[in-house]
N, C-alpha and C. Protein backbone atom coordinates (compact mmCIF):
# COMPACT_ATOMS: atom_id res chain seq x y z
N UNK A 1 0.86 -1.47 0.13
CA UNK A 1 -0.06 0.12 -0.08
C UNK A 1 0.95 1.37 0.01
N UNK A 2 1.95 1.30 0.78
CA UNK A 2 3.05 2.25 0.77
C UNK A 2 3.15 3.00 -0.58
N UNK A 3 3.34 1.72 -1.36
CA UNK A 3 4.30 2.06 -2.37
C UNK A 3 3.95 2.52 -3.47
N UNK A 4 2.08 2.17 -3.20
CA UNK A 4 1.23 2.86 -4.34
C UNK A 4 0.87 3.79 -3.96
N UNK A 5 0.89 4.76 -2.66
CA UNK A 5 0.96 6.07 -1.95
C UNK A 5 2.29 6.92 -2.55
N UNK A 6 3.30 6.58 -2.24
CA UNK A 6 4.29 6.85 -2.98
C UNK A 6 4.57 7.30 -4.30
N UNK A 7 4.16 6.23 -4.91
CA UNK A 7 4.29 5.94 -6.66
C UNK A 7 2.75 7.46 -6.98
N UNK A 8 1.70 7.43 -6.87
CA UNK A 8 0.86 8.55 -7.06
C UNK A 8 1.32 9.70 -6.26
N UNK A 9 2.12 9.71 -5.37
CA UNK A 9 2.72 11.56 -5.22
C UNK A 9 3.76 11.37 -6.27
N UNK A 10 4.29 10.92 -6.49
CA UNK A 10 5.39 11.06 -7.61
C UNK A 10 4.88 11.65 -9.31
N UNK A 11 3.62 10.69 -9.51
CA UNK A 11 2.91 11.12 -10.57
C UNK A 11 2.54 12.73 -10.72
N UNK A 12 1.26 12.36 -9.65
CA UNK A 12 0.88 13.87 -9.57
C UNK A 12 1.58 15.07 -9.45
N UNK A 13 0.90 16.27 -9.96
CA UNK A 13 1.80 17.18 -9.79
C UNK A 13 1.63 17.74 -8.18
N UNK A 14 2.71 18.21 -7.90
CA UNK A 14 2.08 19.20 -6.29
C UNK A 14 1.56 20.53 -6.60
N UNK A 15 2.07 21.14 -7.76
CA UNK A 15 1.69 22.34 -7.36
C UNK A 15 2.02 22.75 -9.28
N UNK A 16 1.00 24.12 -9.27
CA UNK A 16 0.44 24.65 -10.53
C UNK A 16 1.72 25.37 -10.83
N UNK A 17 2.35 25.26 -12.38
CA UNK A 17 3.18 26.59 -12.81
C UNK A 17 2.98 27.94 -13.57
N UNK A 18 1.76 27.73 -13.66
CA UNK A 18 0.51 28.60 -14.33
C UNK A 18 -0.53 29.16 -13.89
N UNK A 19 -1.17 30.18 -13.76
CA UNK A 19 -2.29 30.20 -13.42
C UNK A 19 -3.06 30.67 -15.27
N UNK A 20 -4.79 30.49 -15.29
CA UNK A 20 -5.25 30.96 -16.26
C UNK A 20 -5.70 32.65 -16.13
N UNK A 21 -5.83 33.44 -17.05
CA UNK A 21 -6.25 34.52 -16.99
C UNK A 21 -7.25 34.74 -18.51
N UNK A 22 -8.14 35.58 -18.19
CA UNK A 22 -9.38 35.84 -18.40
C UNK A 22 -9.38 36.89 -19.16
N UNK A 23 -9.70 36.89 -21.08
CA UNK A 23 -9.71 38.31 -21.46
C UNK A 23 -10.99 38.67 -22.12
N UNK A 24 -11.95 39.19 -21.90
CA UNK A 24 -13.18 39.81 -22.89
C UNK A 24 -13.10 40.79 -23.54
N UNK A 25 -13.34 40.42 -24.68
CA UNK A 25 -12.90 41.62 -25.75
C UNK A 25 -14.12 42.55 -26.07
N UNK A 26 -14.08 43.49 -26.31
CA UNK A 26 -15.23 44.52 -27.00
C UNK A 26 -16.33 43.92 -27.66
N UNK A 27 -15.72 42.93 -28.50
CA UNK A 27 -17.28 42.14 -29.15
C UNK A 27 -17.90 41.05 -28.67
N UNK A 28 -17.86 40.91 -27.33
CA UNK A 28 -18.14 39.78 -26.33
C UNK A 28 -17.36 38.20 -26.29
N UNK A 29 -16.04 38.09 -26.96
CA UNK A 29 -15.35 36.98 -27.26
C UNK A 29 -14.72 37.05 -26.05
N UNK A 30 -14.12 35.89 -25.48
CA UNK A 30 -13.43 35.73 -24.65
C UNK A 30 -12.11 34.66 -25.26
N UNK A 31 -10.94 34.94 -24.24
CA UNK A 31 -10.23 34.36 -24.48
C UNK A 31 -9.34 34.15 -23.36
N UNK A 32 -8.24 33.01 -23.44
CA UNK A 32 -7.68 32.56 -22.50
C UNK A 32 -6.17 32.41 -22.27
N UNK A 33 -5.34 32.81 -21.47
CA UNK A 33 -3.95 32.57 -21.57
C UNK A 33 -3.02 32.22 -20.40
N UNK A 34 -2.18 31.48 -20.22
CA UNK A 34 -1.65 31.07 -18.99
C UNK A 34 -0.29 32.12 -18.54
N UNK A 35 -0.41 32.70 -17.27
CA UNK A 35 0.48 33.40 -16.78
C UNK A 35 1.26 32.86 -15.75
N UNK A 36 2.29 33.21 -14.75
CA UNK A 36 2.63 32.76 -13.60
C UNK A 36 2.35 33.16 -12.38
N UNK A 37 1.42 34.74 -12.86
CA UNK A 37 1.43 35.41 -11.88
C UNK A 37 0.27 36.61 -12.20
N UNK A 38 -0.09 37.29 -11.45
CA UNK A 38 -0.99 38.29 -11.68
C UNK A 38 -0.12 39.63 -12.86
N UNK A 39 0.73 40.03 -12.18
CA UNK A 39 1.96 41.02 -12.89
C UNK A 39 2.42 40.69 -14.24
N UNK A 40 2.39 39.24 -14.74
CA UNK A 40 3.13 38.70 -15.64
C UNK A 40 1.56 38.95 -16.39
N UNK A 41 0.25 38.83 -16.08
CA UNK A 41 -0.51 38.37 -16.88
C UNK A 41 -0.79 39.76 -17.41
N UNK A 42 -0.89 40.84 -16.71
CA UNK A 42 -1.33 42.41 -16.83
C UNK A 42 0.00 43.09 -17.75
N UNK A 43 1.34 42.61 -17.92
CA UNK A 43 1.94 42.83 -18.44
C UNK A 43 1.63 41.99 -19.92
N UNK A 44 1.46 40.79 -19.93
CA UNK A 44 1.06 39.83 -21.52
C UNK A 44 -0.49 40.54 -22.11
N UNK A 45 -1.04 41.05 -21.11
CA UNK A 45 -2.40 41.60 -21.70
C UNK A 45 -2.43 43.17 -21.87
N UNK A 46 -1.27 44.04 -21.80
CA UNK A 46 -1.05 45.21 -22.37
C UNK A 46 0.02 45.22 -23.42
N UNK A 47 0.54 43.98 -23.68
CA UNK A 47 1.15 44.00 -24.66
C UNK A 47 0.75 42.99 -26.36
N UNK A 48 -0.28 42.53 -25.93
CA UNK A 48 -0.80 41.86 -26.94
C UNK A 48 -2.27 41.89 -27.01
N UNK A 49 -2.58 43.39 -26.35
CA UNK A 49 -4.43 43.29 -26.22
C UNK A 49 -4.63 45.11 -26.71
N UNK A 50 -5.40 46.06 -27.24
CA UNK A 50 -5.46 47.03 -27.48
C UNK A 50 -6.56 47.19 -26.63
N UNK A 51 -7.66 46.33 -26.71
CA UNK A 51 -9.22 46.60 -26.17
C UNK A 51 -9.53 45.62 -25.53
N UNK A 52 -10.15 45.76 -24.07
CA UNK A 52 -10.42 44.56 -23.32
C UNK A 52 -10.35 44.50 -21.85
N UNK A 53 -11.12 43.67 -21.10
CA UNK A 53 -10.87 43.64 -19.61
C UNK A 53 -10.26 42.25 -19.22
N UNK A 54 -9.21 42.40 -18.13
CA UNK A 54 -8.41 41.10 -17.80
C UNK A 54 -8.78 40.96 -16.59
N UNK A 55 -9.27 39.23 -16.26
CA UNK A 55 -10.07 38.69 -15.22
C UNK A 55 -9.26 37.62 -14.71
N UNK A 56 -9.19 37.36 -13.81
CA UNK A 56 -8.35 36.29 -12.89
C UNK A 56 -9.58 35.00 -12.98
N UNK A 57 -10.85 35.48 -13.06
CA UNK A 57 -11.80 33.91 -13.37
C UNK A 57 -12.61 34.70 -14.16
N UNK A 58 -13.28 33.46 -15.33
CA UNK A 58 -14.47 34.00 -16.04
C UNK A 58 -15.17 35.27 -15.53
N UNK A 59 -15.92 34.68 -14.77
CA UNK A 59 -17.13 35.94 -14.40
C UNK A 59 -16.63 36.79 -13.17
N UNK A 60 -15.19 36.97 -13.52
CA UNK A 60 -14.92 38.20 -12.29
C UNK A 60 -13.63 38.62 -11.87
N UNK A 61 -13.27 39.44 -10.64
CA UNK A 61 -11.78 39.57 -10.73
C UNK A 61 -11.27 40.38 -11.89
N UNK A 62 -11.49 41.28 -11.68
CA UNK A 62 -10.46 42.40 -12.57
C UNK A 62 -9.62 42.75 -12.33
N UNK A 63 -8.32 42.44 -12.97
CA UNK A 63 -6.95 42.76 -13.08
C UNK A 63 -6.61 44.16 -13.91
N UNK A 64 -6.91 44.76 -14.92
CA UNK A 64 -7.03 45.62 -15.80
C UNK A 64 -8.01 45.77 -17.02
N UNK A 65 -7.91 46.67 -17.36
CA UNK A 65 -8.77 46.81 -18.64
C UNK A 65 -7.94 48.08 -19.43
N UNK A 66 -8.28 48.37 -20.79
CA UNK A 66 -8.31 49.19 -21.39
C UNK A 66 -9.06 49.37 -22.54
């Protein structure tokens, strides 16, 4: 039994390396991208989008807008 528990902890990742961030565009479409943290997400958003709203969750948690 201990071998199964040890093996399952080896296979399953312990932490997430990136988080998903959601962008709502002016035409109502949604896009999702990965970033390591909120600061990186805001930087990516400002570089790649002219207009829209950046959120931590699909239905809220606004981080930035332009």
